[in-house]
Amino acid sequence: MSDIDDVMRVERAWTEAHLRGDVATIARLMAHDYLKIERDGSVSDRATTLAKYTPETRYWEKAEGDEYSVRVYGDAAIVIGRWNARGVNNGEHFDYAARFLSVYVKREGEWQMVAEQSVEIHKV
């Protein structure tokens, strides 16, 4: 299996974990030094990001990715794709598409996400 296949396996596991509300898998796939650039430009660390995945307040009806482009640079990789999601977060319904960039690093033979950012795709 190629590094691209391995990275895509992790990316798909990330998406499936969101759909199932599987916070343990999401946490396992995040590196200890994970960072997320939020919609407002602020930066959240791993603990802050994981705290937002409270199953009691977030429910996913749809979580899927497509239009993937993967580039591997030794023990680092970037994934660019499109994300489609629908559900409820803190009582607010959401239904959106976004273009995302995820950065992965291979540590001890496993790919983990170290950074991500997404930008909502607005319908015209």
PDB file of N, CA and C in Angstrom:
ATOM      1  N   MET A   1       0.854  -1.176   0.000  1.00  0.00           N
ATOM      2  CA  MET A   1       0.000   0.000   0.000  1.00  0.00           C
ATOM      3  C   MET A   1       0.903   1.244   0.000  1.00  0.00           C
ATOM      4  N   SER A   2       0.578   2.224  -0.807  1.00  0.00           N
ATOM      5  CA  SER A   2       1.380   3.440  -0.919  1.00  0.00           C
ATOM      6  C   SER A   2       1.068   4.407   0.225  1.00  0.00           C
ATOM      7  N   ASP A   3       1.939   5.392   0.420  1.00  0.00           N
ATOM      8  CA  ASP A   3       1.685   6.421   1.422  1.00  0.00           C
ATOM      9  C   ASP A   3       0.395   7.186   1.111  1.00  0.00           C
ATOM     10  N   ILE A   4       0.135   7.424  -0.165  1.00  0.00           N
ATOM     11  CA  ILE A   4      -1.111   8.112  -0.535  1.00  0.00           C
ATOM     12  C   ILE A   4      -2.318   7.289  -0.098  1.00  0.00           C
ATOM     13  N   ASP A   5      -2.269   5.981  -0.321  1.00  0.00           N
ATOM     14  CA  ASP A   5      -3.361   5.114   0.124  1.00  0.00           C
ATOM     15  C   ASP A   5      -3.514   5.157   1.641  1.00  0.00           C
ATOM     16  N   ASP A   6      -2.383   5.142   2.352  1.00  0.00           N
ATOM     17  CA  ASP A   6      -2.428   5.187   3.816  1.00  0.00           C
ATOM     18  C   ASP A   6      -3.027   6.495   4.319  1.00  0.00           C
ATOM     19  N   VAL A   7      -2.615   7.607   3.726  1.00  0.00           N
ATOM     20  CA  VAL A   7      -3.152   8.905   4.122  1.00  0.00           C
ATOM     21  C   VAL A   7      -4.655   8.954   3.851  1.00  0.00           C
ATOM     22  N   MET A   8      -5.083   8.458   2.709  1.00  0.00           N
ATOM     23  CA  MET A   8      -6.515   8.461   2.380  1.00  0.00           C
ATOM     24  C   MET A   8      -7.309   7.536   3.310  1.00  0.00           C
ATOM     25  N   ARG A   9      -6.712   6.458   3.751  1.00  0.00           N
ATOM     26  CA  ARG A   9      -7.375   5.573   4.717  1.00  0.00           C
ATOM     27  C   ARG A   9      -7.648   6.351   6.006  1.00  0.00           C
ATOM     28  N   VAL A  10      -6.663   7.131   6.460  1.00  0.00           N
ATOM     29  CA  VAL A  10      -6.835   7.930   7.671  1.00  0.00           C
ATOM     30  C   VAL A  10      -7.856   9.044   7.435  1.00  0.00           C
ATOM     31  N   GLU A  11      -7.783   9.697   6.290  1.00  0.00           N
ATOM     32  CA  GLU A  11      -8.744  10.766   5.967  1.00  0.00           C
ATOM     33  C   GLU A  11     -10.172  10.223   5.949  1.00  0.00           C
ATOM     34  N   ARG A  12     -10.364   9.048   5.389  1.00  0.00           N
ATOM     35  CA  ARG A  12     -11.716   8.444   5.361  1.00  0.00           C
ATOM     36  C   ARG A  12     -12.164   8.041   6.770  1.00  0.00           C
ATOM     37  N   ALA A  13     -11.229   7.550   7.583  1.00  0.00           N
ATOM     38  CA  ALA A  13     -11.559   7.209   8.974  1.00  0.00           C
ATOM     39  C   ALA A  13     -11.977   8.462   9.743  1.00  0.00           C
ATOM     40  N   TRP A  14     -11.315   9.588   9.453  1.00  0.00           N
ATOM     41  CA  TRP A  14     -11.653  10.878  10.058  1.00  0.00           C
ATOM     42  C   TRP A  14     -13.102  11.257   9.726  1.00  0.00           C
ATOM     43  N   THR A  15     -13.452  11.142   8.448  1.00  0.00           N
ATOM     44  CA  THR A  15     -14.807  11.480   8.005  1.00  0.00           C
ATOM     45  C   THR A  15     -15.838  10.559   8.643  1.00  0.00           C
ATOM     46  N   GLU A  16     -15.576   9.258   8.634  1.00  0.00           N
ATOM     47  CA  GLU A  16     -16.509   8.285   9.231  1.00  0.00           C
ATOM     48  C   GLU A  16     -16.683   8.530  10.726  1.00  0.00           C
ATOM     49  N   ALA A  17     -15.603   8.880  11.404  1.00  0.00           N
ATOM     50  CA  ALA A  17     -15.679   9.149  12.842  1.00  0.00           C
ATOM     51  C   ALA A  17     -16.586  10.347  13.111  1.00  0.00           C
ATOM     52  N   HIS A  18     -16.541  11.359  12.266  1.00  0.00           N
ATOM     53  CA  HIS A  18     -17.450  12.502  12.410  1.00  0.00           C
ATOM     54  C   HIS A  18     -18.899  12.054  12.256  1.00  0.00           C
ATOM     55  N   LEU A  19     -19.163  11.282  11.243  1.00  0.00           N
ATOM     56  CA  LEU A  19     -20.528  10.824  10.986  1.00  0.00           C
ATOM     57  C   LEU A  19     -21.078  10.005  12.160  1.00  0.00           C
ATOM     58  N   ARG A  20     -20.233   9.174  12.751  1.00  0.00           N
ATOM     59  CA  ARG A  20     -20.660   8.320  13.869  1.00  0.00           C
ATOM     60  C   ARG A  20     -20.575   9.016  15.229  1.00  0.00           C
ATOM     61  N   GLY A  21     -19.976  10.201  15.273  1.00  0.00           N
ATOM     62  CA  GLY A  21     -19.774  10.870  16.554  1.00  0.00           C
ATOM     63  C   GLY A  21     -18.742  10.155  17.404  1.00  0.00           C
ATOM     64  N   ASP A  22     -17.786   9.519  16.754  1.00  0.00           N
ATOM     65  CA  ASP A  22     -16.753   8.716  17.418  1.00  0.00           C
ATOM     66  C   ASP A  22     -15.575   9.611  17.827  1.00  0.00           C
ATOM     67  N   VAL A  23     -15.707  10.260  18.977  1.00  0.00           N
ATOM     68  CA  VAL A  23     -14.706  11.208  19.445  1.00  0.00           C
ATOM     69  C   VAL A  23     -13.383  10.503  19.749  1.00  0.00           C
ATOM     70  N   ALA A  24     -13.428   9.268  20.209  1.00  0.00           N
ATOM     71  CA  ALA A  24     -12.189   8.531  20.513  1.00  0.00           C
ATOM     72  C   ALA A  24     -11.341   8.349  19.259  1.00  0.00           C
ATOM     73  N   THR A  25     -11.971   8.034  18.136  1.00  0.00           N
ATOM     74  CA  THR A  25     -11.222   7.887  16.882  1.00  0.00           C
ATOM     75  C   THR A  25     -10.698   9.232  16.407  1.00  0.00           C
ATOM     76  N   ILE A  26     -11.514  10.260  16.500  1.00  0.00           N
ATOM     77  CA  ILE A  26     -11.063  11.605  16.115  1.00  0.00           C
ATOM     78  C   ILE A  26      -9.825  11.974  16.933  1.00  0.00           C
ATOM     79  N   ALA A  27      -9.864  11.749  18.232  1.00  0.00           N
ATOM     80  CA  ALA A  27      -8.730  12.065  19.106  1.00  0.00           C
ATOM     81  C   ALA A  27      -7.493  11.256  18.729  1.00  0.00           C
ATOM     82  N   ARG A  28      -7.676   9.989  18.393  1.00  0.00           N
ATOM     83  CA  ARG A  28      -6.552   9.124  18.030  1.00  0.00           C
ATOM     84  C   ARG A  28      -5.896   9.582  16.731  1.00  0.00           C
ATOM     85  N   LEU A  29      -6.682  10.123  15.824  1.00  0.00           N
ATOM     86  CA  LEU A  29      -6.161  10.561  14.528  1.00  0.00           C
ATOM     87  C   LEU A  29      -5.512  11.944  14.594  1.00  0.00           C
ATOM     88  N   MET A  30      -5.773  12.682  15.670  1.00  0.00           N
ATOM     89  CA  MET A  30      -5.164  14.006  15.867  1.00  0.00           C
ATOM     90  C   MET A  30      -3.806  13.845  16.538  1.00  0.00           C
ATOM     91  N   ALA A  31      -2.816  14.543  16.021  1.00  0.00           N
ATOM     92  CA  ALA A  31      -1.504  14.560  16.678  1.00  0.00           C
ATOM     93  C   ALA A  31      -1.612  15.361  17.979  1.00  0.00           C
ATOM     94  N   HIS A  32      -0.687  15.132  18.908  1.00  0.00           N
ATOM     95  CA  HIS A  32      -0.704  15.859  20.180  1.00  0.00           C
ATOM     96  C   HIS A  32      -0.502  17.357  19.976  1.00  0.00           C
ATOM     97  N   ASP A  33       0.148  17.744  18.867  1.00  0.00           N
ATOM     98  CA  ASP A  33       0.396  19.155  18.582  1.00  0.00           C
ATOM     99  C   ASP A  33      -0.521  19.705  17.488  1.00  0.00           C
ATOM    100  N   TYR A  34      -1.665  19.069  17.297  1.00  0.00           N
ATOM    101  CA  TYR A  34      -2.680  19.457  16.310  1.00  0.00           C
ATOM    102  C   TYR A  34      -3.134  20.908  16.521  1.00  0.00           C
ATOM    103  N   LEU A  35      -3.351  21.598  15.403  1.00  0.00           N
ATOM    104  CA  LEU A  35      -3.907  22.950  15.411  1.00  0.00           C
ATOM    105  C   LEU A  35      -4.968  23.073  14.316  1.00  0.00           C
ATOM    106  N   LYS A  36      -5.985  23.856  14.599  1.00  0.00           N
ATOM    107  CA  LYS A  36      -7.044  24.110  13.626  1.00  0.00           C
ATOM    108  C   LYS A  36      -7.227  25.607  13.470  1.00  0.00           C
ATOM    109  N   ILE A  37      -7.214  26.073  12.233  1.00  0.00           N
ATOM    110  CA  ILE A  37      -7.527  27.464  11.968  1.00  0.00           C
ATOM    111  C   ILE A  37      -9.048  27.539  11.823  1.00  0.00           C
ATOM    112  N   GLU A  38      -9.664  28.292  12.707  1.00  0.00           N
ATOM    113  CA  GLU A  38     -11.128  28.383  12.761  1.00  0.00           C
ATOM    114  C   GLU A  38     -11.654  29.346  11.699  1.00  0.00           C
ATOM    115  N   ARG A  39     -12.966  29.336  11.514  1.00  0.00           N
ATOM    116  CA  ARG A  39     -13.615  30.177  10.504  1.00  0.00           C
ATOM    117  C   ARG A  39     -13.343  31.663  10.712  1.00  0.00           C
ATOM    118  N   ASP A  40     -13.177  32.068  11.973  1.00  0.00           N
ATOM    119  CA  ASP A  40     -12.947  33.483  12.259  1.00  0.00           C
ATOM    120  C   ASP A  40     -11.466  33.858  12.243  1.00  0.00           C
ATOM    121  N   GLY A  41     -10.599  32.890  11.897  1.00  0.00           N
ATOM    122  CA  GLY A  41      -9.168  33.151  11.830  1.00  0.00           C
ATOM    123  C   GLY A  41      -8.419  32.822  13.108  1.00  0.00           C
ATOM    124  N   SER A  42      -9.128  32.507  14.171  1.00  0.00           N
ATOM    125  CA  SER A  42      -8.452  32.132  15.411  1.00  0.00           C
ATOM    126  C   SER A  42      -7.874  30.713  15.261  1.00  0.00           C
ATOM    127  N   VAL A  43      -7.001  30.352  16.188  1.00  0.00           N
ATOM    128  CA  VAL A  43      -6.356  29.044  16.144  1.00  0.00           C
ATOM    129  C   VAL A  43      -6.747  28.262  17.397  1.00  0.00           C
ATOM    130  N   SER A  44      -7.212  27.032  17.209  1.00  0.00           N
ATOM    131  CA  SER A  44      -7.579  26.154  18.322  1.00  0.00           C
ATOM    132  C   SER A  44      -6.604  24.995  18.407  1.00  0.00           C
ATOM    133  N   ASP A  45      -6.259  24.623  19.631  1.00  0.00           N
ATOM    134  CA  ASP A  45      -5.392  23.466  19.813  1.00  0.00           C
ATOM    135  C   ASP A  45      -6.237  22.190  19.901  1.00  0.00           C
ATOM    136  N   ARG A  46      -5.582  21.097  20.128  1.00  0.00           N
ATOM    137  CA  ARG A  46      -6.243  19.787  20.155  1.00  0.00           C
ATOM    138  C   ARG A  46      -7.335  19.730  21.230  1.00  0.00           C
ATOM    139  N   ALA A  47      -6.999  20.125  22.443  1.00  0.00           N
ATOM    140  CA  ALA A  47      -7.960  20.041  23.546  1.00  0.00           C
ATOM    141  C   ALA A  47      -9.194  20.912  23.286  1.00  0.00           C
ATOM    142  N   THR A  48      -8.983  22.109  22.807  1.00  0.00           N
ATOM    143  CA  THR A  48     -10.100  23.020  22.516  1.00  0.00           C
ATOM    144  C   THR A  48     -10.983  22.451  21.412  1.00  0.00           C
ATOM    145  N   THR A  49     -10.356  21.910  20.379  1.00  0.00           N
ATOM    146  CA  THR A  49     -11.116  21.342  19.268  1.00  0.00           C
ATOM    147  C   THR A  49     -11.907  20.120  19.720  1.00  0.00           C
ATOM    148  N   LEU A  50     -11.277  19.223  20.471  1.00  0.00           N
ATOM    149  CA  LEU A  50     -11.973  18.019  20.946  1.00  0.00           C
ATOM    150  C   LEU A  50     -13.149  18.364  21.856  1.00  0.00           C
ATOM    151  N   ALA A  51     -13.037  19.424  22.622  1.00  0.00           N
ATOM    152  CA  ALA A  51     -14.116  19.826  23.528  1.00  0.00           C
ATOM    153  C   ALA A  51     -15.387  20.186  22.764  1.00  0.00           C
ATOM    154  N   LYS A  52     -15.257  20.548  21.492  1.00  0.00           N
ATOM    155  CA  LYS A  52     -16.416  20.905  20.671  1.00  0.00           C
ATOM    156  C   LYS A  52     -17.160  19.688  20.139  1.00  0.00           C
ATOM    157  N   TYR A  53     -16.581  18.504  20.299  1.00  0.00           N
ATOM    158  CA  TYR A  53     -17.195  17.277  19.786  1.00  0.00           C
ATOM    159  C   TYR A  53     -18.030  16.583  20.847  1.00  0.00           C
ATOM    160  N   THR A  54     -18.827  17.323  21.579  1.00  0.00           N
ATOM    161  CA  THR A  54     -19.671  16.751  22.612  1.00  0.00           C
ATOM    162  C   THR A  54     -20.874  16.075  21.954  1.00  0.00           C
ATOM    163  N   PRO A  55     -20.979  14.748  22.078  1.00  0.00           N
ATOM    164  CA  PRO A  55     -22.088  14.041  21.412  1.00  0.00           C
ATOM    165  C   PRO A  55     -23.466  14.550  21.801  1.00  0.00           C
ATOM    166  N   GLU A  56     -23.602  15.084  23.010  1.00  0.00           N
ATOM    167  CA  GLU A  56     -24.911  15.570  23.452  1.00  0.00           C
ATOM    168  C   GLU A  56     -25.332  16.838  22.711  1.00  0.00           C
ATOM    169  N   THR A  57     -24.363  17.579  22.143  1.00  0.00           N
ATOM    170  CA  THR A  57     -24.696  18.850  21.502  1.00  0.00           C
ATOM    171  C   THR A  57     -24.457  18.851  20.002  1.00  0.00           C
ATOM    172  N   ARG A  58     -23.814  17.804  19.479  1.00  0.00           N
ATOM    173  CA  ARG A  58     -23.500  17.771  18.050  1.00  0.00           C
ATOM    174  C   ARG A  58     -23.984  16.454  17.460  1.00  0.00           C
ATOM    175  N   TYR A  59     -24.763  16.568  16.386  1.00  0.00           N
ATOM    176  CA  TYR A  59     -25.263  15.389  15.691  1.00  0.00           C
ATOM    177  C   TYR A  59     -25.050  15.585  14.198  1.00  0.00           C
ATOM    178  N   TRP A  60     -24.498  14.573  13.547  1.00  0.00           N
ATOM    179  CA  TRP A  60     -24.212  14.641  12.110  1.00  0.00           C
ATOM    180  C   TRP A  60     -25.193  13.751  11.348  1.00  0.00           C
ATOM    181  N   GLU A  61     -25.950  14.335  10.433  1.00  0.00           N
ATOM    182  CA  GLU A  61     -26.795  13.572   9.515  1.00  0.00           C
ATOM    183  C   GLU A  61     -25.990  13.170   8.282  1.00  0.00           C
ATOM    184  N   LYS A  62     -25.027  14.035   7.932  1.00  0.00           N
ATOM    185  CA  LYS A  62     -24.220  13.817   6.737  1.00  0.00           C
ATOM    186  C   LYS A  62     -22.817  14.335   7.016  1.00  0.00           C
ATOM    187  N   ALA A  63     -21.829  13.546   6.643  1.00  0.00           N
ATOM    188  CA  ALA A  63     -20.422  13.966   6.700  1.00  0.00           C
ATOM    189  C   ALA A  63     -19.718  13.178   5.614  1.00  0.00           C
ATOM    190  N   GLU A  64     -19.278  13.879   4.582  1.00  0.00           N
ATOM    191  CA  GLU A  64     -18.605  13.185   3.491  1.00  0.00           C
ATOM    192  C   GLU A  64     -17.605  14.099   2.809  1.00  0.00           C
ATOM    193  N   GLY A  65     -16.583  13.480   2.279  1.00  0.00           N
ATOM    194  CA  GLY A  65     -15.570  14.224   1.551  1.00  0.00           C
ATOM    195  C   GLY A  65     -15.422  13.689   0.142  1.00  0.00           C
ATOM    196  N   ASP A  66     -14.942  14.542  -0.755  1.00  0.00           N
ATOM    197  CA  ASP A  66     -14.655  14.116  -2.121  1.00  0.00           C
ATOM    198  C   ASP A  66     -13.683  15.120  -2.746  1.00  0.00           C
ATOM    199  N   GLU A  67     -13.458  15.003  -4.021  1.00  0.00           N
ATOM    200  CA  GLU A  67     -12.544  15.874  -4.766  1.00  0.00           C
ATOM    201  C   GLU A  67     -11.165  15.953  -4.095  1.00  0.00           C
ATOM    202  N   TYR A  68     -10.654  14.790  -3.677  1.00  0.00           N
ATOM    203  CA  TYR A  68      -9.381  14.725  -2.965  1.00  0.00           C
ATOM    204  C   TYR A  68      -8.180  14.912  -3.880  1.00  0.00           C
ATOM    205  N   SER A  69      -7.181  15.605  -3.351  1.00  0.00           N
ATOM    206  CA  SER A  69      -5.863  15.695  -3.954  1.00  0.00           C
ATOM    207  C   SER A  69      -4.877  15.471  -2.805  1.00  0.00           C
ATOM    208  N   VAL A  70      -4.009  14.471  -2.947  1.00  0.00           N
ATOM    209  CA  VAL A  70      -3.071  14.127  -1.880  1.00  0.00           C
ATOM    210  C   VAL A  70      -1.653  14.277  -2.407  1.00  0.00           C
ATOM    211  N   ARG A  71      -0.820  14.931  -1.621  1.00  0.00           N
ATOM    212  CA  ARG A  71       0.605  15.059  -1.949  1.00  0.00           C
ATOM    213  C   ARG A  71       1.404  14.622  -0.733  1.00  0.00           C
ATOM    214  N   VAL A  72       2.384  13.758  -0.970  1.00  0.00           N
ATOM    215  CA  VAL A  72       3.226  13.245   0.108  1.00  0.00           C
ATOM    216  C   VAL A  72       4.640  13.774  -0.087  1.00  0.00           C
ATOM    217  N   TYR A  73       5.209  14.263   1.006  1.00  0.00           N
ATOM    218  CA  TYR A  73       6.572  14.793   1.015  1.00  0.00           C
ATOM    219  C   TYR A  73       7.330  14.103   2.150  1.00  0.00           C
ATOM    220  N   GLY A  74       7.842  12.914   1.887  1.00  0.00           N
ATOM    221  CA  GLY A  74       8.534  12.156   2.931  1.00  0.00           C
ATOM    222  C   GLY A  74       7.552  11.727   4.005  1.00  0.00           C
ATOM    223  N   ASP A  75       7.753  12.218   5.227  1.00  0.00           N
ATOM    224  CA  ASP A  75       6.873  11.882   6.343  1.00  0.00           C
ATOM    225  C   ASP A  75       5.815  12.948   6.592  1.00  0.00           C
ATOM    226  N   ALA A  76       5.540  13.758   5.580  1.00  0.00           N
ATOM    227  CA  ALA A  76       4.484  14.772   5.667  1.00  0.00           C
ATOM    228  C   ALA A  76       3.590  14.647   4.438  1.00  0.00           C
ATOM    229  N   ALA A  77       2.328  15.000   4.611  1.00  0.00           N
ATOM    230  CA  ALA A  77       1.385  14.938   3.496  1.00  0.00           C
ATOM    231  C   ALA A  77       0.341  16.030   3.662  1.00  0.00           C
ATOM    232  N   ILE A  78      -0.161  16.515   2.529  1.00  0.00           N
ATOM    233  CA  ILE A  78      -1.294  17.428   2.562  1.00  0.00           C
ATOM    234  C   ILE A  78      -2.433  16.787   1.777  1.00  0.00           C
ATOM    235  N   VAL A  79      -3.627  17.027   2.264  1.00  0.00           N
ATOM    236  CA  VAL A  79      -4.839  16.573   1.589  1.00  0.00           C
ATOM    237  C   VAL A  79      -5.695  17.801   1.364  1.00  0.00           C
ATOM    238  N   ILE A  80      -6.102  18.013   0.135  1.00  0.00           N
ATOM    239  CA  ILE A  80      -7.049  19.061  -0.206  1.00  0.00           C
ATOM    240  C   ILE A  80      -8.297  18.346  -0.712  1.00  0.00           C
ATOM    241  N   GLY A  81      -9.444  18.787  -0.256  1.00  0.00           N
ATOM    242  CA  GLY A  81     -10.676  18.141  -0.681  1.00  0.00           C
ATOM    243  C   GLY A  81     -11.873  19.028  -0.431  1.00  0.00           C
ATOM    244  N   ARG A  82     -13.021  18.446  -0.672  1.00  0.00           N
ATOM    245  CA  ARG A  82     -14.284  19.136  -0.406  1.00  0.00           C
ATOM    246  C   ARG A  82     -15.014  18.360   0.683  1.00  0.00           C
ATOM    247  N   TRP A  83     -15.602  19.073   1.599  1.00  0.00           N
ATOM    248  CA  TRP A  83     -16.310  18.501   2.737  1.00  0.00           C
ATOM    249  C   TRP A  83     -17.767  18.920   2.654  1.00  0.00           C
ATOM    250  N   ASN A  84     -18.680  17.982   2.830  1.00  0.00           N
ATOM    251  CA  ASN A  84     -20.115  18.272   2.867  1.00  0.00           C
ATOM    252  C   ASN A  84     -20.649  17.759   4.197  1.00  0.00           C
ATOM    253  N   ALA A  85     -21.344  18.604   4.918  1.00  0.00           N
ATOM    254  CA  ALA A  85     -21.837  18.219   6.233  1.00  0.00           C
ATOM    255  C   ALA A  85     -23.209  18.811   6.502  1.00  0.00           C
ATOM    256  N   ARG A  86     -23.985  18.042   7.270  1.00  0.00           N
ATOM    257  CA  ARG A  86     -25.320  18.494   7.667  1.00  0.00           C
ATOM    258  C   ARG A  86     -25.609  17.890   9.034  1.00  0.00           C
ATOM    259  N   GLY A  87     -26.236  18.660   9.893  1.00  0.00           N
ATOM    260  CA  GLY A  87     -26.582  18.153  11.214  1.00  0.00           C
ATOM    261  C   GLY A  87     -26.993  19.270  12.145  1.00  0.00           C
ATOM    262  N   VAL A  88     -26.768  19.050  13.441  1.00  0.00           N
ATOM    263  CA  VAL A  88     -27.143  20.014  14.467  1.00  0.00           C
ATOM    264  C   VAL A  88     -25.955  20.177  15.411  1.00  0.00           C
ATOM    265  N   ASN A  89     -25.624  21.424  15.721  1.00  0.00           N
ATOM    266  CA  ASN A  89     -24.550  21.720  16.663  1.00  0.00           C
ATOM    267  C   ASN A  89     -25.066  22.752  17.656  1.00  0.00           C
ATOM    268  N   ASN A  90     -25.127  22.375  18.928  1.00  0.00           N
ATOM    269  CA  ASN A  90     -25.634  23.266  19.983  1.00  0.00           C
ATOM    270  C   ASN A  90     -27.018  23.820  19.637  1.00  0.00           C
ATOM    271  N   GLY A  91     -27.878  22.965  19.108  1.00  0.00           N
ATOM    272  CA  GLY A  91     -29.238  23.359  18.780  1.00  0.00           C
ATOM    273  C   GLY A  91     -29.400  24.094  17.464  1.00  0.00           C
ATOM    274  N   GLU A  92     -28.303  24.373  16.780  1.00  0.00           N
ATOM    275  CA  GLU A  92     -28.343  25.090  15.504  1.00  0.00           C
ATOM    276  C   GLU A  92     -28.129  24.117  14.351  1.00  0.00           C
ATOM    277  N   HIS A  93     -29.041  24.148  13.387  1.00  0.00           N
ATOM    278  CA  HIS A  93     -28.907  23.298  12.209  1.00  0.00           C
ATOM    279  C   HIS A  93     -27.798  23.842  11.310  1.00  0.00           C
ATOM    280  N   PHE A  94     -26.985  22.946  10.749  1.00  0.00           N
ATOM    281  CA  PHE A  94     -25.980  23.357   9.774  1.00  0.00           C
ATOM    282  C   PHE A  94     -26.072  22.459   8.543  1.00  0.00           C
ATOM    283  N   ASP A  95     -25.775  23.014   7.409  1.00  0.00           N
ATOM    284  CA  ASP A  95     -25.779  22.312   6.125  1.00  0.00           C
ATOM    285  C   ASP A  95     -24.852  23.108   5.217  1.00  0.00           C
ATOM    286  N   TYR A  96     -23.660  22.616   5.006  1.00  0.00           N
ATOM    287  CA  TYR A  96     -22.693  23.393   4.245  1.00  0.00           C
ATOM    288  C   TYR A  96     -21.703  22.511   3.504  1.00  0.00           C
ATOM    289  N   ALA A  97     -21.031  23.162   2.579  1.00  0.00           N
ATOM    290  CA  ALA A  97     -19.911  22.550   1.860  1.00  0.00           C
ATOM    291  C   ALA A  97     -18.697  23.438   2.094  1.00  0.00           C
ATOM    292  N   ALA A  98     -17.534  22.825   2.161  1.00  0.00           N
ATOM    293  CA  ALA A  98     -16.303  23.586   2.389  1.00  0.00           C
ATOM    294  C   ALA A  98     -15.158  22.952   1.619  1.00  0.00           C
ATOM    295  N   ARG A  99     -14.202  23.752   1.272  1.00  0.00           N
ATOM    296  CA  ARG A  99     -12.936  23.271   0.728  1.00  0.00           C
ATOM    297  C   ARG A  99     -11.985  23.217   1.915  1.00  0.00           C
ATOM    298  N   PHE A 100     -11.244  22.108   2.059  1.00  0.00           N
ATOM    299  CA  PHE A 100     -10.373  21.973   3.218  1.00  0.00           C
ATOM    300  C   PHE A 100      -8.948  21.601   2.825  1.00  0.00           C
ATOM    301  N   LEU A 101      -8.053  21.895   3.753  1.00  0.00           N
ATOM    302  CA  LEU A 101      -6.652  21.514   3.657  1.00  0.00           C
ATOM    303  C   LEU A 101      -6.296  20.861   4.981  1.00  0.00           C
ATOM    304  N   SER A 102      -5.821  19.628   4.928  1.00  0.00           N
ATOM    305  CA  SER A 102      -5.371  18.912   6.120  1.00  0.00           C
ATOM    306  C   SER A 102      -3.907  18.553   5.947  1.00  0.00           C
ATOM    307  N   VAL A 103      -3.147  18.686   7.025  1.00  0.00           N
ATOM    308  CA  VAL A 103      -1.728  18.352   7.014  1.00  0.00           C
ATOM    309  C   VAL A 103      -1.525  17.150   7.921  1.00  0.00           C
ATOM    310  N   TYR A 104      -0.857  16.136   7.386  1.00  0.00           N
ATOM    311  CA  TYR A 104      -0.569  14.913   8.130  1.00  0.00           C
ATOM    312  C   TYR A 104       0.928  14.725   8.274  1.00  0.00           C
ATOM    313  N   VAL A 105       1.331  14.101   9.382  1.00  0.00           N
ATOM    314  CA  VAL A 105       2.719  13.738   9.607  1.00  0.00           C
ATOM    315  C   VAL A 105       2.746  12.269  10.020  1.00  0.00           C
ATOM    316  N   LYS A 106       3.732  11.550   9.486  1.00  0.00           N
ATOM    317  CA  LYS A 106       3.885  10.138   9.819  1.00  0.00           C
ATOM    318  C   LYS A 106       4.842  10.024  10.995  1.00  0.00           C
ATOM    319  N   ARG A 107       4.328   9.511  12.119  1.00  0.00           N
ATOM    320  CA  ARG A 107       5.110   9.333  13.332  1.00  0.00           C
ATOM    321  C   ARG A 107       4.953   7.904  13.816  1.00  0.00           C
ATOM    322  N   GLU A 108       6.075   7.266  14.061  1.00  0.00           N
ATOM    323  CA  GLU A 108       6.076   5.872  14.518  1.00  0.00           C
ATOM    324  C   GLU A 108       5.208   5.006  13.614  1.00  0.00           C
ATOM    325  N   GLY A 109       5.298   5.260  12.307  1.00  0.00           N
ATOM    326  CA  GLY A 109       4.596   4.448  11.316  1.00  0.00           C
ATOM    327  C   GLY A 109       3.133   4.762  11.111  1.00  0.00           C
ATOM    328  N   GLU A 110       2.601   5.750  11.816  1.00  0.00           N
ATOM    329  CA  GLU A 110       1.182   6.106  11.706  1.00  0.00           C
ATOM    330  C   GLU A 110       1.025   7.547  11.243  1.00  0.00           C
ATOM    331  N   TRP A 111       0.065   7.768  10.342  1.00  0.00           N
ATOM    332  CA  TRP A 111      -0.256   9.125   9.889  1.00  0.00           C
ATOM    333  C   TRP A 111      -1.222   9.763  10.869  1.00  0.00           C
ATOM    334  N   GLN A 112      -0.909  10.991  11.299  1.00  0.00           N
ATOM    335  CA  GLN A 112      -1.791  11.749  12.173  1.00  0.00           C
ATOM    336  C   GLN A 112      -1.969  13.153  11.614  1.00  0.00           C
ATOM    337  N   MET A 113      -3.154  13.708  11.837  1.00  0.00           N
ATOM    338  CA  MET A 113      -3.420  15.071  11.393  1.00  0.00           C
ATOM    339  C   MET A 113      -2.771  16.048  12.369  1.00  0.00           C
ATOM    340  N   VAL A 114      -1.974  16.979  11.832  1.00  0.00           N
ATOM    341  CA  VAL A 114      -1.329  17.990  12.673  1.00  0.00           C
ATOM    342  C   VAL A 114      -1.960  19.361  12.498  1.00  0.00           C
ATOM    343  N   ALA A 115      -2.631  19.592  11.382  1.00  0.00           N
ATOM    344  CA  ALA A 115      -3.262  20.895  11.161  1.00  0.00           C
ATOM    345  C   ALA A 115      -4.370  20.762  10.123  1.00  0.00           C
ATOM    346  N   GLU A 116      -5.341  21.657  10.244  1.00  0.00           N
ATOM    347  CA  GLU A 116      -6.418  21.706   9.255  1.00  0.00           C
ATOM    348  C   GLU A 116      -7.029  23.092   9.200  1.00  0.00           C
ATOM    349  N   GLN A 117      -7.610  23.376   8.047  1.00  0.00           N
ATOM    350  CA  GLN A 117      -8.369  24.593   7.850  1.00  0.00           C
ATOM    351  C   GLN A 117      -9.398  24.310   6.767  1.00  0.00           C
ATOM    352  N   SER A 118     -10.554  24.919   6.895  1.00  0.00           N
ATOM    353  CA  SER A 118     -11.559  24.796   5.851  1.00  0.00           C
ATOM    354  C   SER A 118     -12.202  26.155   5.613  1.00  0.00           C
ATOM    355  N   VAL A 119     -12.659  26.323   4.388  1.00  0.00           N
ATOM    356  CA  VAL A 119     -13.312  27.563   3.976  1.00  0.00           C
ATOM    357  C   VAL A 119     -14.652  27.170   3.346  1.00  0.00           C
ATOM    358  N   GLU A 120     -15.712  27.739   3.875  1.00  0.00           N
ATOM    359  CA  GLU A 120     -17.043  27.403   3.363  1.00  0.00           C
ATOM    360  C   GLU A 120     -17.169  27.794   1.899  1.00  0.00           C
ATOM    361  N   ILE A 121     -17.794  26.935   1.138  1.00  0.00           N
ATOM    362  CA  ILE A 121     -18.087  27.194  -0.267  1.00  0.00           C
ATOM    363  C   ILE A 121     -19.495  27.792  -0.311  1.00  0.00           C
ATOM    364  N   HIS A 122     -19.587  29.017  -0.741  1.00  0.00           N
ATOM    365  CA  HIS A 122     -20.879  29.686  -0.820  1.00  0.00           C
ATOM    366  C   HIS A 122     -21.528  29.416  -2.162  1.00  0.00           C
ATOM    367  N   LYS A 123     -22.806  29.102  -2.128  1.00  0.00           N
ATOM    368  CA  LYS A 123     -23.549  28.847  -3.351  1.00  0.00           C
ATOM    369  C   LYS A 123     -23.920  30.166  -4.000  1.00  0.00           C
ATOM    370  N   VAL A 124     -23.760  30.208  -5.300  1.00  0.00           N
ATOM    371  CA  VAL A 124     -24.063  31.446  -6.040  1.00  0.00           C
ATOM    372  C   VAL A 124     -25.403  31.316  -6.713  1.00  0.00           C
TER     373      VAL A 124
END
